Amino acid sequence: MTYKARKRLALFVLVIGLPVYIVVAATIMSYMMSQQVRFPIAVELVVYVLLGIGWAFPLKWIFKGIGQPDPDAPPKQ
């Protein structure tokens, strides 16, 4: 994938994908807490941690090197 395409995809993920993921994660946690039988605190903590950092690992390759100059661009003179 080209640098420009990765940059656009990263922007899409941050502007559209991450807010959608936040809504889904909040819905999951809301559902877990609204049940008649409440989950133990340790289970809730694990779910919070997994939902909190779980999105970053699959998408790490998109964001890697985005802040650097385009490596495929011709050198400026």
Protein backbone atom coordinates (compact mmCIF):
# COMPACT_ATOMS: atom_id res chain seq x y z
CA MET A 1 0.00 0.00 0.00
CA THR A 2 1.35 3.38 -0.89
CA TYR A 3 2.14 6.03 1.68
CA LYS A 4 -0.63 8.29 0.40
CA ALA A 5 -3.22 5.50 0.59
CA ARG A 6 -2.13 4.59 4.13
CA LYS A 7 -2.41 8.22 5.14
CA ARG A 8 -5.95 8.45 3.79
CA LEU A 9 -6.91 5.15 5.41
CA ALA A 10 -5.51 6.33 8.75
CA LEU A 11 -7.55 9.50 8.52
CA PHE A 12 -10.68 7.49 7.67
CA VAL A 13 -10.09 5.17 10.64
CA LEU A 14 -9.63 8.09 13.03
CA VAL A 15 -12.58 10.16 11.78
CA ILE A 16 -15.14 7.44 11.02
CA GLY A 17 -13.97 4.08 12.33
CA LEU A 18 -12.88 5.03 15.83
CA PRO A 19 -16.11 6.86 16.78
CA VAL A 20 -18.14 3.88 15.53
CA TYR A 21 -15.91 1.55 17.56
CA ILE A 22 -16.37 3.73 20.65
CA VAL A 23 -20.16 3.52 20.32
CA VAL A 24 -19.98 -0.28 19.92
CA ALA A 25 -17.65 -0.61 22.93
CA ALA A 26 -19.86 1.61 25.08
CA THR A 27 -22.90 -0.41 24.05
CA ILE A 28 -21.17 -3.65 25.00
CA MET A 29 -20.18 -2.30 28.41
CA SER A 30 -23.63 -0.83 28.97
CA TYR A 31 -25.19 -4.19 28.18
CA MET A 32 -22.79 -5.97 30.56
CA MET A 33 -23.64 -3.62 33.41
CA SER A 34 -27.42 -3.62 32.88
CA GLN A 35 -27.86 -7.35 33.36
CA GLN A 36 -29.60 -8.72 36.44
CA VAL A 37 -26.49 -10.71 37.30
CA ARG A 38 -23.49 -8.39 37.32
CA PHE A 39 -20.13 -9.64 36.13
CA PRO A 40 -17.23 -9.68 38.59
CA ILE A 41 -15.01 -6.60 38.67
CA ALA A 42 -12.05 -8.59 37.28
CA VAL A 43 -14.07 -9.60 34.20
CA GLU A 44 -15.18 -6.02 33.63
CA LEU A 45 -11.59 -4.80 33.95
CA VAL A 46 -10.38 -7.34 31.39
CA VAL A 47 -13.14 -6.33 28.97
CA TYR A 48 -12.32 -2.62 29.43
CA VAL A 49 -8.63 -3.28 28.76
CA LEU A 50 -9.36 -5.44 25.71
CA LEU A 51 -11.80 -2.90 24.26
CA GLY A 52 -9.47 -0.02 25.10
CA ILE A 53 -6.33 -1.30 23.38
CA GLY A 54 -7.75 -4.06 21.22
CA TRP A 55 -8.43 -1.78 18.27
CA ALA A 56 -4.85 -0.50 18.08
CA PHE A 57 -3.00 -3.76 17.45
CA PRO A 58 -4.78 -4.77 14.22
CA LEU A 59 -4.47 -1.21 12.88
CA LYS A 60 -0.88 -0.57 13.93
CA TRP A 61 0.45 -1.11 10.40
CA ILE A 62 -1.75 1.72 9.11
CA PHE A 63 -0.43 4.32 11.54
CA LYS A 64 3.21 3.27 11.48
CA GLY A 65 5.31 6.01 9.90
CA ILE A 66 2.42 8.31 8.98
CA GLY A 67 4.07 11.30 10.68
CA GLN A 68 7.26 10.86 8.65
CA PRO A 69 7.89 12.36 5.19
CA ASP A 70 6.80 10.31 2.21
CA PRO A 71 9.57 7.77 1.55
CA ASP A 72 8.53 7.39 -2.11
CA ALA A 73 8.61 11.10 -2.88
CA PRO A 74 11.45 12.41 -5.05
CA PRO A 75 14.09 14.29 -3.05
CA LYS A 76 13.65 18.06 -2.83
CA GLN A 77 16.43 20.18 -4.23
